Amino acid sequence: MSNFNLNFLKSHIQDTHSPLRMGKSCIACVVVWVLFILSTQSCVEPPRFPNEPAIELVSVSADTIQQLQDSLYIEFTFTDGDGDLGFEDFSTDDCELCDSSCYSHPTFSLFILDSRFINIVNGDTIRCLKTFNVPYVPPKGATDAISGSFTVLLTNEFCIPGKAVDTVSYSIVVKDRAGNFSNRISTDKIIILCN
């Protein structure tokens, strides 16, 4: 009796009017397609980045601004191999400009240096800086590596007194929770109209 059912099933599948009919080449295509999809998904490697953060300048919103009126947006991308950028709980402390101890503050994680102001401390040249807290960036997926972009907003930029036109270049450095510093990126010269 089981022979009869098996033969009936074979004849039903081979029937040209049956919705179950599939040619051997079509079945092979489906099998190959499924295997291809599975193999490409299993071969995708998660991104690998160094444990130190790395940053790259993307854009600056303007090359000329009016002092104390215009805002300036600086966008940059980042990568971090161990995913330890930003702090969940950060300080709202302020750091005295031109003070190198700002770099060792436990929660300051983004530093913008102004090319116009330089301070000499114990023989070291220190550019005046603005400090920011990078927001906490949680790792997602199977790896701790993270990547993305940040946009920094600078407001109330000013001229050195006595100038009609000033120029400035900003440099940016990021620090992760382990204390590793990124590379330094710099903007092109930005003109500040003083009047």
N, C-alpha and C. Protein backbone atom coordinates (compact mmCIF):
# COMPACT_ATOMS: atom_id res chain seq x y z
N MET A 1 0.81 -1.18 0.00
CA MET A 1 0.00 0.00 0.00
C MET A 1 0.86 1.25 0.00
N SER A 2 1.99 1.23 0.73
CA SER A 2 2.87 2.39 0.73
C SER A 2 3.49 2.59 -0.64
N ASN A 3 3.72 1.50 -1.39
CA ASN A 3 4.23 1.61 -2.76
C ASN A 3 3.25 2.36 -3.63
N PHE A 4 1.98 2.07 -3.48
CA PHE A 4 0.96 2.74 -4.27
C PHE A 4 0.95 4.24 -3.99
N ASN A 5 1.02 4.63 -2.73
CA ASN A 5 1.00 6.04 -2.37
C ASN A 5 2.22 6.77 -2.90
N LEU A 6 3.37 6.10 -2.83
CA LEU A 6 4.60 6.71 -3.34
C LEU A 6 4.52 6.89 -4.84
N ASN A 7 4.04 5.88 -5.56
CA ASN A 7 3.90 6.00 -7.01
C ASN A 7 2.88 7.06 -7.37
N PHE A 8 1.78 7.13 -6.62
CA PHE A 8 0.78 8.15 -6.88
C PHE A 8 1.39 9.55 -6.70
N LEU A 9 2.18 9.71 -5.63
CA LEU A 9 2.82 10.99 -5.37
C LEU A 9 3.78 11.36 -6.50
N LYS A 10 4.59 10.40 -6.96
CA LYS A 10 5.52 10.66 -8.06
C LYS A 10 4.76 11.07 -9.31
N SER A 11 3.70 10.36 -9.62
CA SER A 11 2.96 10.70 -10.84
C SER A 11 2.27 12.05 -10.68
N HIS A 12 1.84 12.38 -9.47
CA HIS A 12 1.19 13.67 -9.24
C HIS A 12 2.18 14.82 -9.42
N ILE A 13 3.41 14.65 -8.92
CA ILE A 13 4.42 15.69 -9.05
C ILE A 13 4.84 15.86 -10.51
N GLN A 14 4.87 14.75 -11.25
CA GLN A 14 5.31 14.83 -12.64
C GLN A 14 4.19 15.27 -13.57
N ASP A 15 2.97 15.31 -13.10
CA ASP A 15 1.85 15.74 -13.91
C ASP A 15 2.07 17.20 -14.33
N THR A 16 1.96 17.50 -15.59
CA THR A 16 2.23 18.84 -16.10
C THR A 16 1.20 19.85 -15.61
N HIS A 17 0.02 19.41 -15.20
CA HIS A 17 -1.00 20.33 -14.74
C HIS A 17 -0.96 20.55 -13.23
N SER A 18 -0.06 19.86 -12.53
CA SER A 18 0.01 19.95 -11.07
C SER A 18 0.75 21.21 -10.64
N PRO A 19 0.24 21.90 -9.62
CA PRO A 19 0.94 23.07 -9.11
C PRO A 19 2.23 22.70 -8.38
N LEU A 20 2.40 21.40 -8.05
CA LEU A 20 3.61 20.96 -7.35
C LEU A 20 4.74 20.66 -8.31
N ARG A 21 4.53 20.73 -9.61
CA ARG A 21 5.54 20.33 -10.57
C ARG A 21 6.67 21.35 -10.60
N MET A 22 7.88 20.86 -10.42
CA MET A 22 9.09 21.68 -10.55
C MET A 22 10.10 20.86 -11.31
N GLY A 23 10.72 21.47 -12.26
CA GLY A 23 11.77 20.78 -12.99
C GLY A 23 13.01 20.63 -12.12
N LYS A 24 13.84 19.66 -12.47
CA LYS A 24 15.06 19.43 -11.70
C LYS A 24 15.98 20.65 -11.74
N SER A 25 16.02 21.35 -12.86
CA SER A 25 16.89 22.53 -12.96
C SER A 25 16.39 23.66 -12.07
N CYS A 26 15.07 23.78 -11.91
CA CYS A 26 14.52 24.83 -11.06
C CYS A 26 14.81 24.55 -9.59
N ILE A 27 14.70 23.29 -9.18
CA ILE A 27 15.03 22.91 -7.80
C ILE A 27 16.50 23.18 -7.54
N ALA A 28 17.33 22.84 -8.50
CA ALA A 28 18.77 23.09 -8.35
C ALA A 28 19.05 24.59 -8.21
N CYS A 29 18.32 25.42 -8.98
CA CYS A 29 18.50 26.88 -8.88
C CYS A 29 18.14 27.38 -7.48
N VAL A 30 17.04 26.89 -6.93
CA VAL A 30 16.61 27.31 -5.60
C VAL A 30 17.64 26.88 -4.56
N VAL A 31 18.13 25.66 -4.66
CA VAL A 31 19.13 25.17 -3.71
C VAL A 31 20.41 26.00 -3.80
N VAL A 32 20.87 26.28 -5.02
CA VAL A 32 22.08 27.08 -5.20
C VAL A 32 21.86 28.48 -4.65
N TRP A 33 20.70 29.07 -4.91
CA TRP A 33 20.41 30.43 -4.43
C TRP A 33 20.41 30.48 -2.90
N VAL A 34 19.78 29.53 -2.26
CA VAL A 34 19.74 29.48 -0.79
C VAL A 34 21.15 29.30 -0.24
N LEU A 35 21.93 28.41 -0.82
CA LEU A 35 23.31 28.21 -0.36
C LEU A 35 24.14 29.47 -0.56
N PHE A 36 23.94 30.17 -1.66
CA PHE A 36 24.67 31.41 -1.92
C PHE A 36 24.35 32.46 -0.85
N ILE A 37 23.08 32.63 -0.55
CA ILE A 37 22.68 33.62 0.46
C ILE A 37 23.26 33.25 1.82
N LEU A 38 23.16 32.00 2.20
CA LEU A 38 23.71 31.58 3.49
C LEU A 38 25.22 31.75 3.55
N SER A 39 25.91 31.45 2.47
CA SER A 39 27.37 31.56 2.50
C SER A 39 27.83 33.01 2.52
N THR A 40 27.13 33.92 1.84
CA THR A 40 27.56 35.32 1.87
C THR A 40 27.28 35.96 3.21
N GLN A 41 26.20 35.56 3.86
CA GLN A 41 25.91 36.14 5.17
C GLN A 41 26.86 35.62 6.23
N SER A 42 27.30 34.41 6.11
CA SER A 42 28.21 33.88 7.12
C SER A 42 29.64 34.37 6.89
N CYS A 43 29.95 34.92 5.72
CA CYS A 43 31.30 35.38 5.43
C CYS A 43 31.51 36.86 5.75
N VAL A 44 30.47 37.57 6.13
CA VAL A 44 30.62 38.99 6.42
C VAL A 44 31.36 39.15 7.73
N GLU A 45 32.51 39.79 7.65
CA GLU A 45 33.33 40.02 8.84
C GLU A 45 32.87 41.29 9.53
N PRO A 46 32.78 41.27 10.85
CA PRO A 46 32.49 42.52 11.55
C PRO A 46 33.66 43.49 11.37
N PRO A 47 33.40 44.78 11.44
CA PRO A 47 34.49 45.74 11.24
C PRO A 47 35.53 45.62 12.35
N ARG A 48 36.79 45.84 11.98
CA ARG A 48 37.88 45.82 12.96
C ARG A 48 38.58 47.17 12.89
N PHE A 49 38.64 47.82 14.03
CA PHE A 49 39.30 49.11 14.13
C PHE A 49 40.31 49.04 15.28
N PRO A 50 41.31 49.89 15.25
CA PRO A 50 42.22 49.96 16.40
C PRO A 50 41.45 50.39 17.65
N ASN A 51 41.98 50.05 18.83
CA ASN A 51 41.32 50.43 20.09
C ASN A 51 41.34 51.93 20.33
N GLU A 52 42.32 52.62 19.74
CA GLU A 52 42.37 54.07 19.86
C GLU A 52 41.36 54.67 18.90
N PRO A 53 40.65 55.70 19.33
CA PRO A 53 39.70 56.33 18.40
C PRO A 53 40.42 56.96 17.21
N ALA A 54 39.77 56.96 16.08
CA ALA A 54 40.29 57.62 14.88
C ALA A 54 39.18 58.52 14.34
N ILE A 55 39.54 59.71 13.91
CA ILE A 55 38.55 60.66 13.41
C ILE A 55 38.97 61.19 12.05
N GLU A 56 37.97 61.62 11.28
CA GLU A 56 38.22 62.16 9.95
C GLU A 56 37.23 63.31 9.69
N LEU A 57 37.76 64.43 9.26
CA LEU A 57 36.92 65.60 8.99
C LEU A 57 36.02 65.34 7.80
N VAL A 58 34.73 65.68 7.96
CA VAL A 58 33.76 65.54 6.88
C VAL A 58 33.43 66.90 6.27
N SER A 59 33.05 67.85 7.13
CA SER A 59 32.66 69.16 6.59
C SER A 59 32.69 70.24 7.67
N VAL A 60 32.79 71.47 7.19
CA VAL A 60 32.67 72.66 8.02
C VAL A 60 31.60 73.51 7.35
N SER A 61 30.66 74.03 8.13
CA SER A 61 29.48 74.66 7.55
C SER A 61 29.75 75.97 6.82
N ALA A 62 30.84 76.66 7.16
CA ALA A 62 31.11 77.94 6.50
C ALA A 62 32.61 78.21 6.51
N ASP A 63 33.04 79.02 5.55
CA ASP A 63 34.45 79.44 5.56
C ASP A 63 34.58 80.90 6.00
N THR A 64 33.44 81.58 6.17
CA THR A 64 33.41 82.95 6.66
C THR A 64 32.22 83.09 7.61
N ILE A 65 32.47 83.67 8.79
CA ILE A 65 31.39 83.89 9.75
C ILE A 65 31.49 85.31 10.32
N GLN A 66 30.39 85.82 10.82
CA GLN A 66 30.34 87.11 11.49
C GLN A 66 30.52 86.86 12.98
N GLN A 67 31.47 87.59 13.60
CA GLN A 67 31.74 87.36 15.01
C GLN A 67 30.49 87.55 15.86
N LEU A 68 30.35 86.69 16.86
CA LEU A 68 29.27 86.72 17.86
C LEU A 68 27.87 86.61 17.28
N GLN A 69 27.76 86.28 15.99
CA GLN A 69 26.44 86.13 15.37
C GLN A 69 26.24 84.77 14.74
N ASP A 70 27.18 84.35 13.92
CA ASP A 70 27.02 83.11 13.15
C ASP A 70 27.51 81.91 13.94
N SER A 71 26.83 80.80 13.73
CA SER A 71 27.26 79.53 14.30
C SER A 71 28.09 78.77 13.28
N LEU A 72 28.93 77.88 13.77
CA LEU A 72 29.79 77.08 12.91
C LEU A 72 29.60 75.62 13.28
N TYR A 73 29.31 74.78 12.30
CA TYR A 73 29.14 73.35 12.51
C TYR A 73 30.34 72.62 11.91
N ILE A 74 30.94 71.75 12.71
CA ILE A 74 32.05 70.94 12.23
C ILE A 74 31.63 69.48 12.37
N GLU A 75 31.59 68.76 11.24
CA GLU A 75 31.19 67.36 11.25
C GLU A 75 32.41 66.48 10.99
N PHE A 76 32.50 65.39 11.76
CA PHE A 76 33.58 64.43 11.55
C PHE A 76 33.09 63.03 11.85
N THR A 77 33.73 62.04 11.24
CA THR A 77 33.41 60.64 11.51
C THR A 77 34.39 60.09 12.53
N PHE A 78 34.00 58.99 13.16
CA PHE A 78 34.86 58.35 14.14
C PHE A 78 34.78 56.84 14.02
N THR A 79 35.83 56.16 14.46
CA THR A 79 35.84 54.72 14.67
C THR A 79 36.54 54.46 16.00
N ASP A 80 36.15 53.37 16.65
CA ASP A 80 36.81 52.98 17.89
C ASP A 80 36.65 51.47 18.04
N GLY A 81 37.78 50.77 18.09
CA GLY A 81 37.77 49.30 18.07
C GLY A 81 37.19 48.65 19.30
N ASP A 82 37.37 49.27 20.47
CA ASP A 82 36.83 48.63 21.67
C ASP A 82 35.56 49.33 22.17
N GLY A 83 35.04 50.25 21.40
CA GLY A 83 33.73 50.83 21.66
C GLY A 83 33.60 51.59 22.96
N ASP A 84 34.66 52.27 23.38
CA ASP A 84 34.57 52.98 24.66
C ASP A 84 34.63 54.49 24.50
N LEU A 85 33.80 55.00 23.60
CA LEU A 85 33.69 56.45 23.43
C LEU A 85 32.53 56.99 24.25
N GLY A 86 32.76 58.15 24.83
CA GLY A 86 31.70 58.83 25.56
C GLY A 86 31.46 58.26 26.94
N PHE A 87 30.72 59.04 27.72
CA PHE A 87 30.43 58.68 29.11
C PHE A 87 28.93 58.75 29.34
N GLU A 88 28.40 57.75 30.04
CA GLU A 88 26.99 57.79 30.39
C GLU A 88 26.73 58.89 31.41
N ASP A 89 27.61 58.99 32.40
CA ASP A 89 27.54 60.04 33.40
C ASP A 89 28.75 60.94 33.21
N PHE A 90 28.50 62.17 32.85
CA PHE A 90 29.64 63.06 32.63
C PHE A 90 29.49 64.33 33.45
N SER A 91 30.60 64.98 33.61
CA SER A 91 30.65 66.17 34.44
C SER A 91 30.21 67.39 33.63
N THR A 92 29.63 68.33 34.34
CA THR A 92 29.31 69.60 33.71
C THR A 92 30.35 70.65 34.11
N ASP A 93 31.48 70.17 34.65
CA ASP A 93 32.58 71.06 35.02
C ASP A 93 33.03 71.83 33.80
N ASP A 94 33.66 72.94 34.05
CA ASP A 94 34.28 73.71 32.99
C ASP A 94 35.78 73.59 33.18
N CYS A 95 36.50 73.72 32.12
CA CYS A 95 37.94 73.63 32.20
C CYS A 95 38.52 74.99 31.83
N GLU A 96 39.46 75.44 32.61
CA GLU A 96 40.08 76.73 32.33
C GLU A 96 40.81 76.66 31.00
N LEU A 97 40.52 77.60 30.13
CA LEU A 97 41.15 77.60 28.82
C LEU A 97 42.66 77.62 28.96
N CYS A 98 43.33 76.99 28.05
CA CYS A 98 44.80 76.93 27.98
C CYS A 98 45.41 76.15 29.13
N ASP A 99 44.66 75.32 29.79
CA ASP A 99 45.18 74.54 30.90
C ASP A 99 45.33 73.09 30.44
N SER A 100 46.55 72.58 30.44
CA SER A 100 46.79 71.22 29.94
C SER A 100 46.14 70.16 30.81
N SER A 101 45.75 70.49 32.04
CA SER A 101 45.09 69.50 32.89
C SER A 101 43.71 69.11 32.33
N CYS A 102 43.18 69.91 31.42
CA CYS A 102 41.88 69.58 30.80
C CYS A 102 41.95 68.22 30.12
N TYR A 103 43.11 67.89 29.56
CA TYR A 103 43.26 66.61 28.85
C TYR A 103 43.12 65.42 29.79
N SER A 104 43.46 65.60 31.05
CA SER A 104 43.39 64.47 31.98
C SER A 104 42.08 64.45 32.77
N HIS A 105 41.19 65.41 32.54
CA HIS A 105 39.90 65.40 33.22
C HIS A 105 39.19 64.09 32.89
N PRO A 106 38.60 63.44 33.90
CA PRO A 106 38.07 62.09 33.67
C PRO A 106 36.93 61.98 32.67
N THR A 107 36.15 63.04 32.46
CA THR A 107 35.02 62.89 31.53
C THR A 107 35.04 63.82 30.32
N PHE A 108 36.01 64.70 30.22
CA PHE A 108 36.09 65.48 28.98
C PHE A 108 36.60 64.56 27.89
N SER A 109 35.91 64.53 26.76
CA SER A 109 36.27 63.56 25.74
C SER A 109 36.42 64.15 24.34
N LEU A 110 36.18 65.45 24.19
CA LEU A 110 36.37 66.09 22.89
C LEU A 110 37.00 67.45 23.13
N PHE A 111 38.08 67.70 22.41
CA PHE A 111 38.85 68.93 22.62
C PHE A 111 38.97 69.66 21.29
N ILE A 112 38.63 70.95 21.29
CA ILE A 112 38.78 71.78 20.10
C ILE A 112 39.82 72.84 20.41
N LEU A 113 40.86 72.88 19.60
CA LEU A 113 41.97 73.81 19.82
C LEU A 113 41.87 74.96 18.83
N ASP A 114 42.13 76.15 19.32
CA ASP A 114 42.05 77.38 18.54
C ASP A 114 43.47 77.77 18.12
N SER A 115 43.70 77.90 16.82
CA SER A 115 45.05 78.18 16.31
C SER A 115 45.56 79.57 16.70
N ARG A 116 44.68 80.45 17.11
CA ARG A 116 45.10 81.83 17.39
C ARG A 116 45.72 82.00 18.77
N PHE A 117 45.40 81.12 19.69
CA PHE A 117 45.84 81.31 21.06
C PHE A 117 46.77 80.19 21.49
N ILE A 118 47.95 80.58 21.91
CA ILE A 118 48.95 79.60 22.35
C ILE A 118 49.44 80.02 23.72
N ASN A 119 49.58 79.04 24.59
CA ASN A 119 50.07 79.29 25.93
C ASN A 119 51.29 78.40 26.15
N ILE A 120 52.32 78.92 26.77
CA ILE A 120 53.50 78.13 27.07
C ILE A 120 53.43 77.75 28.55
N VAL A 121 53.35 76.45 28.84
CA VAL A 121 53.28 75.95 30.21
C VAL A 121 54.44 74.98 30.41
N ASN A 122 55.34 75.31 31.33
CA ASN A 122 56.50 74.47 31.60
C ASN A 122 57.25 74.10 30.32
N GLY A 123 57.35 75.05 29.42
CA GLY A 123 58.09 74.82 28.18
C GLY A 123 57.29 74.14 27.09
N ASP A 124 56.07 73.67 27.40
CA ASP A 124 55.23 73.02 26.39
C ASP A 124 54.28 74.04 25.77
N THR A 125 54.12 73.95 24.47
CA THR A 125 53.18 74.83 23.78
C THR A 125 51.80 74.21 23.84
N ILE A 126 50.85 74.94 24.38
CA ILE A 126 49.47 74.45 24.51
C ILE A 126 48.56 75.45 23.83
N ARG A 127 47.79 74.97 22.89
CA ARG A 127 46.79 75.83 22.26
C ARG A 127 45.57 75.88 23.15
N CYS A 128 44.96 77.02 23.23
CA CYS A 128 43.74 77.16 24.04
C CYS A 128 42.67 76.24 23.47
N LEU A 129 41.84 75.74 24.33
CA LEU A 129 40.88 74.76 23.87
C LEU A 129 39.50 74.95 24.46
N LYS A 130 38.56 74.31 23.78
CA LYS A 130 37.19 74.21 24.26
C LYS A 130 36.98 72.73 24.54
N THR A 131 36.34 72.41 25.64
CA THR A 131 36.12 71.01 25.99
C THR A 131 34.65 70.66 25.84
N PHE A 132 34.41 69.42 25.44
CA PHE A 132 33.06 68.91 25.28
C PHE A 132 33.00 67.49 25.80
N ASN A 133 31.80 67.02 26.05
CA ASN A 133 31.58 65.63 26.42
C ASN A 133 30.94 64.92 25.24
N VAL A 134 31.61 63.89 24.74
CA VAL A 134 31.04 63.08 23.67
C VAL A 134 29.93 62.23 24.28
N PRO A 135 28.77 62.15 23.63
CA PRO A 135 27.71 61.29 24.18
C PRO A 135 28.14 59.82 24.16
N TYR A 136 27.60 59.07 25.08
CA TYR A 136 27.89 57.63 25.16
C TYR A 136 27.39 56.95 23.89
N VAL A 137 28.25 56.15 23.28
CA VAL A 137 27.90 55.44 22.05
C VAL A 137 27.94 53.95 22.37
N PRO A 138 26.78 53.29 22.52
CA PRO A 138 26.79 51.87 22.87
C PRO A 138 27.15 51.00 21.67
N PRO A 139 27.96 49.96 21.88
CA PRO A 139 28.26 49.02 20.79
C PRO A 139 26.98 48.26 20.41
N LYS A 140 26.88 47.91 19.15
CA LYS A 140 25.74 47.14 18.66
C LYS A 140 26.28 45.95 17.87
N GLY A 141 25.64 44.83 17.99
CA GLY A 141 26.04 43.68 17.21
C GLY A 141 27.01 42.78 17.96
N ALA A 142 27.74 41.98 17.17
CA ALA A 142 28.60 40.94 17.74
C ALA A 142 29.98 41.46 18.13
N THR A 143 30.28 42.69 17.85
CA THR A 143 31.60 43.23 18.14
C THR A 143 31.47 44.52 18.94
N ASP A 144 32.54 44.89 19.64
CA ASP A 144 32.54 46.14 20.40
C ASP A 144 32.86 47.34 19.52
N ALA A 145 33.37 47.11 18.32
CA ALA A 145 33.78 48.20 17.44
C ALA A 145 32.59 49.10 17.11
N ILE A 146 32.84 50.41 17.11
CA ILE A 146 31.79 51.36 16.78
C ILE A 146 32.32 52.35 15.74
N SER A 147 31.39 52.93 15.01
CA SER A 147 31.72 53.98 14.05
C SER A 147 30.49 54.86 13.89
N GLY A 148 30.72 56.07 13.44
CA GLY A 148 29.60 56.99 13.25
C GLY A 148 30.11 58.38 12.96
N SER A 149 29.29 59.37 13.25
CA SER A 149 29.71 60.75 13.02
C SER A 149 29.18 61.64 14.14
N PHE A 150 29.90 62.73 14.36
CA PHE A 150 29.53 63.75 15.32
C PHE A 150 29.51 65.09 14.60
N THR A 151 28.65 65.98 15.05
CA THR A 151 28.65 67.36 14.59
C THR A 151 28.79 68.25 15.82
N VAL A 152 29.80 69.12 15.80
CA VAL A 152 30.06 70.03 16.89
C VAL A 152 29.55 71.41 16.48
N LEU A 153 28.84 72.07 17.39
CA LEU A 153 28.32 73.41 17.15
C LEU A 153 29.16 74.40 17.94
N LEU A 154 29.77 75.36 17.24
CA LEU A 154 30.52 76.43 17.89
C LEU A 154 29.73 77.72 17.72
N THR A 155 29.49 78.39 18.84
CA THR A 155 28.74 79.65 18.82
C THR A 155 29.58 80.75 19.45
N ASN A 156 29.21 81.98 19.18
CA ASN A 156 29.87 83.15 19.78
C ASN A 156 31.36 83.21 19.51
N GLU A 157 31.76 82.83 18.32
CA GLU A 157 33.16 82.95 17.96
C GLU A 157 33.49 84.43 17.81
N PHE A 158 34.67 84.81 18.24
CA PHE A 158 35.01 86.23 18.31
C PHE A 158 36.36 86.50 17.67
N CYS A 159 36.59 87.79 17.40
CA CYS A 159 37.85 88.26 16.84
C CYS A 159 38.79 88.68 17.96
N ILE A 160 40.07 88.65 17.66
CA ILE A 160 41.05 89.25 18.57
C ILE A 160 40.82 90.75 18.51
N PRO A 161 40.72 91.42 19.66
CA PRO A 161 40.42 92.86 19.67
C PRO A 161 41.39 93.66 18.80
N GLY A 162 40.82 94.66 18.10
CA GLY A 162 41.62 95.54 17.26
C GLY A 162 41.71 95.10 15.81
N LYS A 163 41.18 93.91 15.49
CA LYS A 163 41.23 93.42 14.10
C LYS A 163 39.90 93.68 13.40
N ALA A 164 39.98 94.00 12.10
CA ALA A 164 38.77 94.14 11.29
C ALA A 164 38.34 92.78 10.75
N VAL A 165 39.33 91.92 10.47
CA VAL A 165 39.10 90.56 9.98
C VAL A 165 40.09 89.65 10.70
N ASP A 166 39.61 88.52 11.15
CA ASP A 166 40.46 87.56 11.85
C ASP A 166 40.37 86.22 11.12
N THR A 167 41.37 85.38 11.28
CA THR A 167 41.32 84.03 10.72
C THR A 167 41.65 83.03 11.82
N VAL A 168 41.03 81.88 11.73
CA VAL A 168 41.24 80.83 12.73
C VAL A 168 41.16 79.47 12.04
N SER A 169 41.87 78.53 12.60
CA SER A 169 41.75 77.12 12.22
C SER A 169 41.51 76.35 13.50
N TYR A 170 40.59 75.40 13.46
CA TYR A 170 40.29 74.60 14.64
C TYR A 170 40.84 73.19 14.44
N SER A 171 41.43 72.66 15.50
CA SER A 171 41.87 71.27 15.52
C SER A 171 41.01 70.52 16.53
N ILE A 172 40.73 69.26 16.22
CA ILE A 172 39.87 68.44 17.08
C ILE A 172 40.59 67.16 17.44
N VAL A 173 40.46 66.78 18.72
CA VAL A 173 41.00 65.53 19.24
C VAL A 173 39.91 64.91 20.11
N VAL A 174 39.78 63.58 20.05
CA VAL A 174 38.81 62.84 20.85
C VAL A 174 39.57 61.90 21.79
N LYS A 175 39.04 61.74 23.00
CA LYS A 175 39.63 60.83 23.98
C LYS A 175 38.58 59.80 24.38
N ASP A 176 38.97 58.51 24.46
CA ASP A 176 38.03 57.48 24.89
C ASP A 176 38.11 57.26 26.40
N ARG A 177 37.28 56.38 26.92
CA ARG A 177 37.23 56.16 28.37
C ARG A 177 38.52 55.55 28.92
N ALA A 178 39.28 54.86 28.09
CA ALA A 178 40.56 54.29 28.53
C ALA A 178 41.67 55.33 28.54
N GLY A 179 41.37 56.54 28.07
CA GLY A 179 42.38 57.60 28.03
C GLY A 179 43.18 57.66 26.74
N ASN A 180 42.79 56.86 25.74
CA ASN A 180 43.46 56.89 24.44
C ASN A 180 42.99 58.10 23.64
N PHE A 181 43.95 58.82 23.05
CA PHE A 181 43.61 59.99 22.23
C PHE A 181 43.59 59.60 20.76
N SER A 182 42.71 60.24 20.02
CA SER A 182 42.63 60.04 18.58
C SER A 182 43.73 60.83 17.88
N ASN A 183 43.77 60.67 16.59
CA ASN A 183 44.56 61.55 15.75
C ASN A 183 43.96 62.95 15.82
N ARG A 184 44.70 63.94 15.36
CA ARG A 184 44.21 65.32 15.36
C ARG A 184 43.79 65.68 13.94
N ILE A 185 42.60 66.26 13.80
CA ILE A 185 42.15 66.77 12.51
C ILE A 185 42.04 68.29 12.62
N SER A 186 42.18 68.97 11.49
CA SER A 186 42.13 70.44 11.50
C SER A 186 41.28 70.95 10.36
N THR A 187 40.60 72.04 10.62
CA THR A 187 39.82 72.70 9.57
C THR A 187 40.76 73.56 8.73
N ASP A 188 40.29 73.97 7.57
CA ASP A 188 40.98 75.01 6.82
C ASP A 188 40.80 76.32 7.56
N LYS A 189 41.47 77.35 7.11
CA LYS A 189 41.32 78.67 7.72
C LYS A 189 39.87 79.16 7.56
N ILE A 190 39.35 79.71 8.63
CA ILE A 190 38.00 80.27 8.64
C ILE A 190 38.13 81.77 8.90
N ILE A 191 37.48 82.57 8.10
CA ILE A 191 37.54 84.03 8.24
C ILE A 191 36.43 84.46 9.21
N ILE A 192 36.80 85.30 10.16
CA ILE A 192 35.83 85.88 11.09
C ILE A 192 35.76 87.37 10.80
N LEU A 193 34.58 87.85 10.41
CA LEU A 193 34.38 89.27 10.15
C LEU A 193 34.10 89.96 11.48
N CYS A 194 34.88 90.95 11.81
CA CYS A 194 34.84 91.53 13.16
C CYS A 194 33.87 92.69 13.30
N ASN A 195 33.49 93.36 12.24
CA ASN A 195 32.61 94.53 12.33
C ASN A 195 31.15 94.14 12.25
